[in-house]
N, C-alpha and C. Protein backbone atom coordinates (compact mmCIF):
# COMPACT_ATOMS: atom_id res chain seq x y z
N MET A 1 114.97 108.73 86.65
CA MET A 1 113.79 107.91 86.80
C MET A 1 113.58 107.10 85.52
N ALA A 2 112.95 105.98 85.70
CA ALA A 2 112.70 105.08 84.58
C ALA A 2 111.20 104.95 84.33
N ALA A 3 110.85 104.68 83.09
CA ALA A 3 109.45 104.40 82.77
C ALA A 3 109.07 103.07 83.40
N ALA A 4 107.84 102.96 83.86
CA ALA A 4 107.38 101.73 84.49
C ALA A 4 107.39 100.57 83.50
N ALA A 5 107.13 100.86 82.24
CA ALA A 5 107.14 99.89 81.16
C ALA A 5 107.47 100.64 79.88
N PRO A 6 108.00 99.97 78.87
CA PRO A 6 108.29 100.67 77.63
C PRO A 6 107.05 101.39 77.08
N GLY A 7 107.20 102.66 76.77
CA GLY A 7 106.11 103.46 76.23
C GLY A 7 105.14 104.00 77.27
N ASP A 8 105.36 103.68 78.54
CA ASP A 8 104.47 104.15 79.61
C ASP A 8 104.88 105.56 80.02
N ASP A 9 103.90 106.39 80.36
CA ASP A 9 104.18 107.76 80.80
C ASP A 9 104.35 107.86 82.31
N TYR A 10 104.27 106.75 83.03
CA TYR A 10 104.50 106.73 84.48
C TYR A 10 105.98 106.48 84.71
N PHE A 11 106.63 107.41 85.37
CA PHE A 11 108.05 107.29 85.67
C PHE A 11 108.22 107.19 87.17
N PHE A 12 109.20 106.38 87.62
CA PHE A 12 109.38 106.20 89.04
C PHE A 12 110.84 105.89 89.38
N SER A 13 111.12 106.03 90.67
CA SER A 13 112.41 105.63 91.22
C SER A 13 112.18 105.11 92.62
N GLU A 14 112.92 104.12 92.99
CA GLU A 14 112.90 103.61 94.36
C GLU A 14 114.22 103.94 95.05
N LYS A 15 114.90 104.96 94.52
CA LYS A 15 116.19 105.37 95.06
C LYS A 15 116.19 106.81 95.53
N VAL A 16 115.03 107.35 95.84
CA VAL A 16 114.92 108.71 96.37
C VAL A 16 114.95 108.61 97.88
N ASP A 17 115.95 109.21 98.50
CA ASP A 17 116.08 109.14 99.95
C ASP A 17 114.81 109.60 100.64
N GLY A 18 114.38 108.84 101.65
CA GLY A 18 113.19 109.18 102.42
C GLY A 18 111.89 108.70 101.81
N SER A 19 111.96 108.02 100.68
CA SER A 19 110.76 107.54 99.99
C SER A 19 110.98 106.10 99.55
N LYS A 20 109.97 105.27 99.72
CA LYS A 20 110.07 103.90 99.22
C LYS A 20 109.81 103.85 97.72
N HIS A 21 108.98 104.77 97.24
CA HIS A 21 108.64 104.80 95.82
C HIS A 21 108.26 106.24 95.47
N PHE A 22 108.95 106.82 94.51
CA PHE A 22 108.66 108.17 94.04
C PHE A 22 108.27 108.07 92.58
N GLY A 23 107.09 108.59 92.22
CA GLY A 23 106.65 108.47 90.84
C GLY A 23 106.03 109.74 90.31
N VAL A 24 106.06 109.87 88.99
CA VAL A 24 105.37 110.95 88.29
C VAL A 24 104.20 110.29 87.57
N TRP A 25 103.01 110.60 88.06
CA TRP A 25 101.78 109.92 87.67
C TRP A 25 101.00 110.79 86.71
N PRO A 26 100.88 110.43 85.44
CA PRO A 26 100.08 111.22 84.49
C PRO A 26 98.62 111.32 84.93
N LEU A 27 98.00 112.43 84.65
CA LEU A 27 96.62 112.68 85.07
C LEU A 27 95.67 111.60 84.55
N ALA A 28 95.85 111.15 83.32
CA ALA A 28 94.97 110.12 82.77
C ALA A 28 95.06 108.83 83.58
N GLN A 29 96.25 108.48 84.04
CA GLN A 29 96.41 107.27 84.85
C GLN A 29 95.83 107.47 86.25
N ALA A 30 95.97 108.65 86.80
CA ALA A 30 95.36 108.95 88.10
C ALA A 30 93.84 108.87 87.99
N ALA A 31 93.28 109.41 86.92
CA ALA A 31 91.83 109.36 86.71
C ALA A 31 91.36 107.92 86.58
N GLN A 32 92.12 107.11 85.86
CA GLN A 32 91.76 105.70 85.69
C GLN A 32 91.77 104.98 87.04
N ALA A 33 92.81 105.21 87.84
CA ALA A 33 92.91 104.54 89.13
C ALA A 33 91.82 105.00 90.10
N CYS A 34 91.47 106.27 90.03
CA CYS A 34 90.50 106.83 90.99
C CYS A 34 89.05 106.67 90.54
N PHE A 35 88.79 106.87 89.25
CA PHE A 35 87.42 106.95 88.76
C PHE A 35 87.07 105.94 87.67
N GLY A 36 88.06 105.18 87.18
CA GLY A 36 87.78 104.19 86.15
C GLY A 36 87.63 104.76 84.75
N THR A 37 88.12 105.98 84.54
CA THR A 37 88.06 106.63 83.23
C THR A 37 89.33 107.42 83.03
N SER A 38 89.73 107.64 81.80
CA SER A 38 90.97 108.38 81.55
C SER A 38 90.81 109.89 81.66
N GLU A 39 89.58 110.36 81.82
CA GLU A 39 89.32 111.80 81.96
C GLU A 39 89.08 112.15 83.42
N TRP A 40 89.78 113.18 83.91
CA TRP A 40 89.55 113.64 85.28
C TRP A 40 88.21 114.36 85.32
N PRO A 41 87.35 114.07 86.30
CA PRO A 41 86.04 114.71 86.36
C PRO A 41 86.15 116.24 86.44
N ALA A 42 85.37 116.93 85.64
CA ALA A 42 85.43 118.40 85.57
C ALA A 42 84.97 119.05 86.87
N ASP A 43 84.16 118.35 87.66
CA ASP A 43 83.65 118.93 88.91
C ASP A 43 84.58 118.71 90.11
N ARG A 44 85.77 118.17 89.87
CA ARG A 44 86.74 117.94 90.93
C ARG A 44 88.02 118.71 90.63
N PRO A 45 88.68 119.24 91.66
CA PRO A 45 89.95 119.93 91.39
C PRO A 45 90.98 118.96 90.82
N ALA A 46 91.69 119.39 89.80
CA ALA A 46 92.74 118.54 89.23
C ALA A 46 93.85 118.37 90.26
N PRO A 47 94.31 117.15 90.46
CA PRO A 47 95.33 116.92 91.49
C PRO A 47 96.66 117.57 91.12
N GLN A 48 97.31 118.07 92.13
CA GLN A 48 98.64 118.67 91.98
C GLN A 48 99.71 117.76 92.56
N VAL A 49 99.29 116.83 93.40
CA VAL A 49 100.22 115.91 94.06
C VAL A 49 99.43 114.68 94.51
N SER A 50 100.11 113.59 94.61
CA SER A 50 99.53 112.38 95.18
C SER A 50 100.53 111.84 96.20
N ILE A 51 100.02 111.53 97.37
CA ILE A 51 100.87 110.96 98.42
C ILE A 51 100.13 109.81 99.04
N GLU A 52 100.86 108.74 99.32
CA GLU A 52 100.25 107.58 99.94
C GLU A 52 100.95 107.30 101.26
N PHE A 53 100.15 106.99 102.25
CA PHE A 53 100.65 106.63 103.55
C PHE A 53 100.51 105.12 103.70
N GLU A 54 101.63 104.46 103.91
CA GLU A 54 101.66 103.01 104.02
C GLU A 54 101.30 102.60 105.45
N VAL A 55 100.35 101.66 105.57
CA VAL A 55 99.92 101.17 106.87
C VAL A 55 100.31 99.70 107.02
N GLU A 56 100.05 99.16 108.18
CA GLU A 56 100.55 97.86 108.60
C GLU A 56 99.98 96.66 107.83
N ASN A 57 98.69 96.73 107.45
CA ASN A 57 98.06 95.59 106.79
C ASN A 57 96.75 96.03 106.12
N GLU A 58 96.08 95.09 105.44
CA GLU A 58 94.83 95.41 104.75
C GLU A 58 93.75 95.88 105.72
N ALA A 59 93.69 95.29 106.89
CA ALA A 59 92.69 95.70 107.88
C ALA A 59 92.88 97.16 108.28
N ALA A 60 94.13 97.60 108.35
CA ALA A 60 94.41 99.00 108.71
C ALA A 60 93.93 99.95 107.61
N VAL A 61 93.97 99.52 106.35
CA VAL A 61 93.43 100.34 105.26
C VAL A 61 91.93 100.51 105.47
N GLU A 62 91.24 99.41 105.74
CA GLU A 62 89.80 99.44 105.98
C GLU A 62 89.46 100.33 107.18
N GLN A 63 90.19 100.15 108.27
CA GLN A 63 89.95 100.94 109.47
C GLN A 63 90.20 102.42 109.22
N SER A 64 91.26 102.73 108.48
CA SER A 64 91.59 104.13 108.17
C SER A 64 90.50 104.76 107.31
N GLY A 65 90.01 104.02 106.32
CA GLY A 65 88.93 104.53 105.48
C GLY A 65 87.69 104.84 106.30
N GLN A 66 87.33 103.94 107.21
CA GLN A 66 86.17 104.16 108.06
C GLN A 66 86.38 105.37 108.96
N GLU A 67 87.57 105.50 109.51
CA GLU A 67 87.86 106.64 110.39
C GLU A 67 87.78 107.96 109.62
N LEU A 68 88.34 107.99 108.42
CA LEU A 68 88.27 109.22 107.61
C LEU A 68 86.82 109.59 107.33
N GLU A 69 86.02 108.60 106.92
CA GLU A 69 84.60 108.87 106.64
C GLU A 69 83.86 109.34 107.90
N SER A 70 84.18 108.75 109.04
CA SER A 70 83.50 109.14 110.28
C SER A 70 83.87 110.57 110.70
N GLN A 71 85.00 111.06 110.21
CA GLN A 71 85.43 112.43 110.49
C GLN A 71 84.95 113.41 109.42
N GLY A 72 84.13 112.93 108.48
CA GLY A 72 83.54 113.81 107.48
C GLY A 72 84.27 113.89 106.15
N PHE A 73 85.32 113.11 105.97
CA PHE A 73 86.03 113.11 104.69
C PHE A 73 85.29 112.23 103.70
N LYS A 74 85.20 112.68 102.46
CA LYS A 74 84.56 111.90 101.39
C LYS A 74 85.65 111.21 100.59
N LEU A 75 85.61 109.89 100.59
CA LEU A 75 86.60 109.12 99.86
C LEU A 75 86.30 109.12 98.37
N ILE A 76 87.34 109.18 97.55
CA ILE A 76 87.17 108.97 96.11
C ILE A 76 86.65 107.56 95.90
N HIS A 77 87.24 106.62 96.60
CA HIS A 77 86.77 105.24 96.60
C HIS A 77 87.10 104.60 97.94
N ARG A 78 86.23 103.71 98.33
CA ARG A 78 86.43 102.97 99.57
C ARG A 78 87.63 102.04 99.42
N PRO A 79 88.11 101.48 100.53
CA PRO A 79 89.23 100.55 100.43
C PRO A 79 88.95 99.43 99.44
N ARG A 80 89.95 99.15 98.62
CA ARG A 80 89.82 98.07 97.63
C ARG A 80 91.20 97.51 97.34
N LYS A 81 91.22 96.33 96.76
CA LYS A 81 92.47 95.70 96.37
C LYS A 81 92.66 95.88 94.88
N GLU A 82 93.79 96.48 94.51
CA GLU A 82 94.11 96.70 93.10
C GLU A 82 94.61 95.40 92.47
N PRO A 83 94.55 95.28 91.14
CA PRO A 83 94.99 94.05 90.47
C PRO A 83 96.45 93.68 90.76
N TRP A 84 97.28 94.67 91.12
CA TRP A 84 98.69 94.38 91.39
C TRP A 84 98.93 94.04 92.85
N GLY A 85 97.88 93.95 93.67
CA GLY A 85 98.03 93.48 95.04
C GLY A 85 97.98 94.53 96.13
N GLN A 86 98.02 95.79 95.78
CA GLN A 86 97.99 96.87 96.76
C GLN A 86 96.55 97.11 97.22
N SER A 87 96.35 97.26 98.52
CA SER A 87 95.06 97.67 99.07
C SER A 87 95.12 99.16 99.34
N ILE A 88 94.08 99.90 98.93
CA ILE A 88 94.15 101.35 99.04
C ILE A 88 92.77 101.98 99.11
N ALA A 89 92.68 103.06 99.87
CA ALA A 89 91.53 103.96 99.88
C ALA A 89 92.09 105.34 99.55
N ARG A 90 91.36 106.13 98.76
CA ARG A 90 91.86 107.45 98.36
C ARG A 90 90.81 108.53 98.64
N LEU A 91 91.32 109.72 98.96
CA LEU A 91 90.48 110.90 99.06
C LEU A 91 91.17 112.01 98.28
N LEU A 92 90.41 113.04 97.97
CA LEU A 92 90.93 114.21 97.26
C LEU A 92 90.71 115.42 98.14
N SER A 93 91.80 116.12 98.48
CA SER A 93 91.67 117.30 99.32
C SER A 93 91.10 118.46 98.51
N ASP A 94 90.63 119.48 99.21
CA ASP A 94 90.07 120.66 98.53
C ASP A 94 91.08 121.37 97.65
N ASP A 95 92.36 121.25 97.99
CA ASP A 95 93.38 121.93 97.19
C ASP A 95 94.04 121.00 96.17
N GLY A 96 93.44 119.85 95.91
CA GLY A 96 93.89 119.00 94.81
C GLY A 96 94.99 118.02 95.14
N ALA A 97 95.02 117.48 96.34
CA ALA A 97 95.98 116.43 96.68
C ALA A 97 95.23 115.10 96.76
N ILE A 98 95.70 114.11 96.01
CA ILE A 98 95.18 112.76 96.16
C ILE A 98 95.93 112.16 97.34
N ILE A 99 95.19 111.71 98.32
CA ILE A 99 95.80 111.13 99.52
C ILE A 99 95.34 109.69 99.61
N GLY A 100 96.30 108.79 99.62
CA GLY A 100 96.00 107.37 99.69
C GLY A 100 96.45 106.78 101.01
N ILE A 101 95.65 105.88 101.53
CA ILE A 101 96.02 105.06 102.68
C ILE A 101 96.16 103.66 102.09
N SER A 102 97.38 103.13 102.13
CA SER A 102 97.61 101.89 101.40
C SER A 102 98.39 100.86 102.19
N TYR A 103 98.21 99.64 101.77
CA TYR A 103 99.03 98.53 102.22
C TYR A 103 99.56 97.87 100.95
N THR A 104 100.85 97.92 100.79
CA THR A 104 101.53 97.38 99.62
C THR A 104 102.41 96.23 100.11
N PRO A 105 101.96 94.99 99.95
CA PRO A 105 102.64 93.85 100.59
C PRO A 105 104.14 93.79 100.37
N TRP A 106 104.60 94.03 99.15
CA TRP A 106 106.02 93.88 98.87
C TRP A 106 106.87 94.95 99.53
N MET A 107 106.29 96.04 99.96
CA MET A 107 107.07 97.06 100.68
C MET A 107 107.32 96.64 102.12
N HIS A 108 106.67 95.58 102.55
CA HIS A 108 106.85 95.07 103.90
C HIS A 108 107.74 93.84 103.92
N GLN A 109 108.25 93.48 102.78
CA GLN A 109 109.11 92.31 102.67
C GLN A 109 110.47 92.76 102.17
N ALA A 110 111.52 92.11 102.63
CA ALA A 110 112.88 92.59 102.39
C ALA A 110 113.52 92.07 101.12
N GLN A 111 112.92 91.13 100.44
CA GLN A 111 113.63 90.53 99.31
C GLN A 111 112.72 90.22 98.13
N GLY A 112 113.33 90.00 96.96
CA GLY A 112 112.68 89.46 95.79
C GLY A 112 111.64 90.32 95.12
N TRP A 113 112.02 91.16 94.20
CA TRP A 113 111.09 92.00 93.45
C TRP A 113 110.98 91.49 92.03
N ARG A 114 109.86 91.73 91.39
CA ARG A 114 109.73 91.48 89.96
C ARG A 114 108.70 92.44 89.40
N ASN A 115 108.75 92.69 88.13
CA ASN A 115 107.75 93.56 87.50
C ASN A 115 106.46 92.80 87.29
N PHE A 116 105.37 93.48 87.45
CA PHE A 116 104.05 92.94 87.15
C PHE A 116 103.32 94.01 86.37
N GLU A 117 102.90 93.69 85.16
CA GLU A 117 102.16 94.65 84.36
C GLU A 117 100.68 94.37 84.53
N GLY A 118 100.01 95.25 85.26
CA GLY A 118 98.59 95.11 85.51
C GLY A 118 97.86 96.28 84.90
N ILE A 119 96.68 96.56 85.39
CA ILE A 119 95.93 97.72 84.94
C ILE A 119 96.66 98.95 85.42
N GLY A 120 96.84 99.91 84.56
CA GLY A 120 97.61 101.11 84.93
C GLY A 120 99.08 100.85 84.72
N PRO A 121 99.92 101.63 85.35
CA PRO A 121 101.36 101.49 85.15
C PRO A 121 101.86 100.15 85.68
N ALA A 122 102.98 99.69 85.14
CA ALA A 122 103.58 98.45 85.63
C ALA A 122 103.89 98.63 87.11
N ARG A 123 103.70 97.59 87.86
CA ARG A 123 103.94 97.63 89.30
C ARG A 123 105.00 96.60 89.64
N ARG A 124 105.65 96.79 90.74
CA ARG A 124 106.64 95.83 91.20
C ARG A 124 105.97 94.98 92.27
N ILE A 125 106.18 93.68 92.18
CA ILE A 125 105.49 92.79 93.11
C ILE A 125 106.33 91.55 93.37
N LYS A 126 106.23 91.02 94.56
CA LYS A 126 106.94 89.79 94.90
C LYS A 126 106.31 88.63 94.14
N PRO A 127 107.12 87.69 93.66
CA PRO A 127 106.58 86.56 92.89
C PRO A 127 105.48 85.80 93.61
N GLN A 128 105.66 85.48 94.90
CA GLN A 128 104.63 84.72 95.60
C GLN A 128 103.37 85.53 95.84
N ALA A 129 103.46 86.87 95.90
CA ALA A 129 102.27 87.71 96.10
C ALA A 129 101.46 87.80 94.81
N ARG A 130 102.10 87.66 93.65
CA ARG A 130 101.40 87.79 92.38
C ARG A 130 100.30 86.75 92.24
N ALA A 131 100.56 85.54 92.68
CA ALA A 131 99.57 84.48 92.51
C ALA A 131 98.30 84.75 93.29
N GLY A 132 98.39 85.53 94.38
CA GLY A 132 97.22 85.78 95.20
C GLY A 132 96.55 87.11 94.96
N ARG A 133 96.92 87.83 93.91
CA ARG A 133 96.35 89.16 93.70
C ARG A 133 94.89 89.09 93.28
N GLY A 134 94.20 90.20 93.48
CA GLY A 134 92.85 90.36 92.97
C GLY A 134 91.76 89.74 93.81
N GLY A 135 92.06 89.19 94.99
CA GLY A 135 91.04 88.52 95.76
C GLY A 135 90.56 89.34 96.83
């Protein structure tokens, strides 16, 4: 696995069979992505794993978040678009699993990757998608 950026503690590979993206996510980066702070909240179980389920589009992320809430699940955060272009809603299970429902545009396209260094670990993004991020 390679570091997402020089000096970054996030390591990943896109060559793990059965996975589009496999990463080792430091707790401080998970806390930043979920809660906007580098410290994991003491009143929440520390995550042991993070898994994201990729859906068809941004609307499916929104619909999935609403469905989870209607079934009694409490989201860490409602669906939102990250600075690197991914739309995601996350929840934390009782046993410490961060579960994300996400739409990552470049995973739905067959060509042209580039690095994008945004908030958190460096992300890979299609050049044309970069111009439209954050909206």
